[in-house]
Each structure stands twice: as structure tokens, then as C-alpha cells.
């Protein structure tokens, strides 16, 4: 994880490895919300699997961050993982790494 504060606004980068499923989705959502950055960018290049609970966790994080005026983005989604987000109509969260 990397945290920086350009122009007084906090930018947080975090990476997720392995898979996100029902067993870890709630803990992951809580951890991402606790980061409390004006922009939270989560790298998915090392993520192999995500299920509906993982997608739901991302929706909760996004809704929370937008509700407090922050931004949420996902980078590094690849192949089938990218397609999952696109099929869930969440492709707008996918951005190229800065």
C-alpha cells in the first residue's frame, strides 16, 4: 500500500492478491473503507478470482467513498477478471494505472 498527499488530498494505492470471495469480502470492504483517502485506487493485477460477494464488497466501498466525496478506482484488471466487472456494468471503475 502506498499513501501520498498531493495538493493536500490523500491518494491511497492498495493491491489485492489471490481471490476475493464470501470468506474475505466483508473484511476487505471494511479495510478499504478504513483507508480513508480522497482517492482510493486498488490494483487487481495479482487478483485471480472474484465472486458475487467480492463484487458486492466493491459496490459497498464505492458507495461509501462517493458518499463522503471521495473517488474509487480499480487498476490492472485483466482478461476474465476485467470481463466480470464489465458484465456487472461496473466497467467505469476500471482505469489504467497512473
C-alpha atoms as a PDB file:
ATOM      1  CA  UNK A   1       0.000   0.000   0.000  1.00  0.00           C
ATOM      2  CA  UNK A   2       1.180   3.499  -0.780  1.00  0.00           C
ATOM      3  CA  UNK A   3      -0.240   6.731   0.605  1.00  0.00           C
ATOM      4  CA  UNK A   4       0.587  10.197  -0.681  1.00  0.00           C
ATOM      5  CA  UNK A   5      -0.915  13.630  -0.231  1.00  0.00           C
ATOM      6  CA  UNK A   6      -0.569  15.697  -3.417  1.00  0.00           C
ATOM      7  CA  UNK A   7      -2.138  19.124  -3.011  1.00  0.00           C
ATOM      8  CA  UNK A   8      -3.401  18.254   0.455  1.00  0.00           C
ATOM      9  CA  UNK A   9      -5.638  15.397  -0.774  1.00  0.00           C
ATOM     10  CA  UNK A  10      -4.837  11.846   0.230  1.00  0.00           C
ATOM     11  CA  UNK A  11      -4.246   9.318  -2.542  1.00  0.00           C
ATOM     12  CA  UNK A  12      -4.091   5.678  -1.496  1.00  0.00           C
ATOM     13  CA  UNK A  13      -2.940   2.756  -3.615  1.00  0.00           C
ATOM     14  CA  UNK A  14      -3.541  -0.786  -2.412  1.00  0.00           C
ATOM     15  CA  UNK A  15      -3.083  -4.158  -4.107  1.00  0.00           C
ATOM     16  CA  UNK A  16      -5.094  -7.337  -3.714  1.00  0.00           C
ATOM     17  CA  UNK A  17      -3.628 -10.804  -4.341  1.00  0.00           C
ATOM     18  CA  UNK A  18      -5.286 -14.192  -4.748  1.00  0.00           C
ATOM     19  CA  UNK A  19      -9.068 -14.271  -4.644  1.00  0.00           C
ATOM     20  CA  UNK A  20     -11.948 -12.343  -3.136  1.00  0.00           C
ATOM     21  CA  UNK A  21     -14.934 -14.447  -2.130  1.00  0.00           C
ATOM     22  CA  UNK A  22     -17.558 -14.677   0.611  1.00  0.00           C
ATOM     23  CA  UNK A  23     -14.913 -15.644   3.185  1.00  0.00           C
ATOM     24  CA  UNK A  24     -12.969 -12.364   2.862  1.00  0.00           C
ATOM     25  CA  UNK A  25     -15.273  -9.857   1.127  1.00  0.00           C
ATOM     26  CA  UNK A  26     -16.619  -8.131   4.266  1.00  0.00           C
ATOM     27  CA  UNK A  27     -13.163  -7.806   5.846  1.00  0.00           C
ATOM     28  CA  UNK A  28     -11.756  -6.418   2.606  1.00  0.00           C
ATOM     29  CA  UNK A  29     -14.560  -3.858   2.289  1.00  0.00           C
ATOM     30  CA  UNK A  30     -14.022  -2.714   5.889  1.00  0.00           C
ATOM     31  CA  UNK A  31     -10.262  -2.425   5.345  1.00  0.00           C
ATOM     32  CA  UNK A  32     -10.674  -0.368   2.150  1.00  0.00           C
ATOM     33  CA  UNK A  33     -13.199   1.943   3.794  1.00  0.00           C
ATOM     34  CA  UNK A  34     -10.839   2.421   6.765  1.00  0.00           C
ATOM     35  CA  UNK A  35      -8.074   3.662   4.440  1.00  0.00           C
ATOM     36  CA  UNK A  36      -9.995   6.953   4.175  1.00  0.00           C
ATOM     37  CA  UNK A  37      -8.301   8.515   1.155  1.00  0.00           C
ATOM     38  CA  UNK A  38      -9.716  11.197  -1.117  1.00  0.00           C
ATOM     39  CA  UNK A  39      -8.806   8.786  -3.908  1.00  0.00           C
ATOM     40  CA  UNK A  40      -8.545   5.063  -3.268  1.00  0.00           C
ATOM     41  CA  UNK A  41      -7.055   3.076  -6.133  1.00  0.00           C
ATOM     42  CA  UNK A  42      -6.968  -0.704  -5.839  1.00  0.00           C
ATOM     43  CA  UNK A  43      -4.650  -2.755  -8.049  1.00  0.00           C
ATOM     44  CA  UNK A  44      -6.065  -6.028  -9.335  1.00  0.00           C
ATOM     45  CA  UNK A  45      -3.157  -7.289 -11.436  1.00  0.00           C
ATOM     46  CA  UNK A  46      -2.473 -10.064  -8.900  1.00  0.00           C
ATOM     47  CA  UNK A  47      -6.133 -10.946  -8.304  1.00  0.00           C
ATOM     48  CA  UNK A  48      -7.076 -14.354  -9.707  1.00  0.00           C
ATOM     49  CA  UNK A  49     -10.718 -14.688  -8.682  1.00  0.00           C
ATOM     50  CA  UNK A  50     -13.685 -12.624  -7.537  1.00  0.00           C
ATOM     51  CA  UNK A  51     -17.212 -13.837  -6.839  1.00  0.00           C
ATOM     52  CA  UNK A  52     -20.511 -12.021  -6.282  1.00  0.00           C
ATOM     53  CA  UNK A  53     -19.602 -11.306  -2.646  1.00  0.00           C
ATOM     54  CA  UNK A  54     -16.373  -9.670  -3.815  1.00  0.00           C
ATOM     55  CA  UNK A  55     -18.237  -7.555  -6.355  1.00  0.00           C
ATOM     56  CA  UNK A  56     -20.724  -6.620  -3.622  1.00  0.00           C
ATOM     57  CA  UNK A  57     -17.859  -5.539  -1.375  1.00  0.00           C
ATOM     58  CA  UNK A  58     -16.553  -3.268  -4.125  1.00  0.00           C
ATOM     59  CA  UNK A  59     -20.018  -1.746  -4.540  1.00  0.00           C
ATOM     60  CA  UNK A  60     -20.217  -1.040  -0.784  1.00  0.00           C
ATOM     61  CA  UNK A  61     -16.766   0.562  -0.788  1.00  0.00           C
ATOM     62  CA  UNK A  62     -17.598   2.662  -3.834  1.00  0.00           C
ATOM     63  CA  UNK A  63     -20.919   3.811  -2.368  1.00  0.00           C
ATOM     64  CA  UNK A  64     -19.297   4.740   0.938  1.00  0.00           C
ATOM     65  CA  UNK A  65     -16.427   6.650  -0.677  1.00  0.00           C
ATOM     66  CA  UNK A  66     -18.719   8.525  -3.057  1.00  0.00           C
ATOM     67  CA  UNK A  67     -20.973   9.367  -0.127  1.00  0.00           C
ATOM     68  CA  UNK A  68     -18.114  11.169   1.623  1.00  0.00           C
ATOM     69  CA  UNK A  69     -16.919  12.882  -1.563  1.00  0.00           C
ATOM     70  CA  UNK A  70     -14.048  10.524  -2.344  1.00  0.00           C
ATOM     71  CA  UNK A  71     -13.110   8.606  -5.502  1.00  0.00           C
ATOM     72  CA  UNK A  72     -12.664   4.847  -6.013  1.00  0.00           C
ATOM     73  CA  UNK A  73     -10.912   3.173  -8.938  1.00  0.00           C
ATOM     74  CA  UNK A  74      -9.642  -0.273  -9.902  1.00  0.00           C
ATOM     75  CA  UNK A  75      -6.468  -0.785 -11.943  1.00  0.00           C
ATOM     76  CA  UNK A  76      -4.779  -3.774 -13.516  1.00  0.00           C
ATOM     77  CA  UNK A  77      -7.915  -5.863 -14.180  1.00  0.00           C
ATOM     78  CA  UNK A  78      -7.067  -8.410 -16.856  1.00  0.00           C
ATOM     79  CA  UNK A  79      -8.783 -10.991 -19.060  1.00  0.00           C
ATOM     80  CA  UNK A  80     -11.699 -12.782 -17.393  1.00  0.00           C
ATOM     81  CA  UNK A  81     -11.453 -10.565 -14.301  1.00  0.00           C
ATOM     82  CA  UNK A  82     -11.941  -7.438 -16.416  1.00  0.00           C
ATOM     83  CA  UNK A  83     -14.859  -9.145 -18.152  1.00  0.00           C
ATOM     84  CA  UNK A  84     -16.573  -9.856 -14.795  1.00  0.00           C
ATOM     85  CA  UNK A  85     -16.593  -6.131 -13.978  1.00  0.00           C
ATOM     86  CA  UNK A  86     -17.785  -5.253 -17.473  1.00  0.00           C
ATOM     87  CA  UNK A  87     -20.615  -7.822 -17.325  1.00  0.00           C
ATOM     88  CA  UNK A  88     -21.657  -6.441 -13.926  1.00  0.00           C
ATOM     89  CA  UNK A  89     -21.854  -2.997 -15.587  1.00  0.00           C
ATOM     90  CA  UNK A  90     -19.012  -1.741 -13.380  1.00  0.00           C
ATOM     91  CA  UNK A  91     -16.502  -1.116 -16.153  1.00  0.00           C
ATOM     92  CA  UNK A  92     -16.380   2.614 -15.307  1.00  0.00           C
ATOM     93  CA  UNK A  93     -14.369   1.693 -12.188  1.00  0.00           C
ATOM     94  CA  UNK A  94     -11.588   0.182 -14.337  1.00  0.00           C
ATOM     95  CA  UNK A  95      -8.816   2.647 -15.095  1.00  0.00           C
ATOM     96  CA  UNK A  96      -5.274   2.388 -16.348  1.00  0.00           C
ATOM     97  CA  UNK A  97      -2.618   2.632 -13.648  1.00  0.00           C
ATOM     98  CA  UNK A  98      -1.249   6.132 -13.169  1.00  0.00           C
END
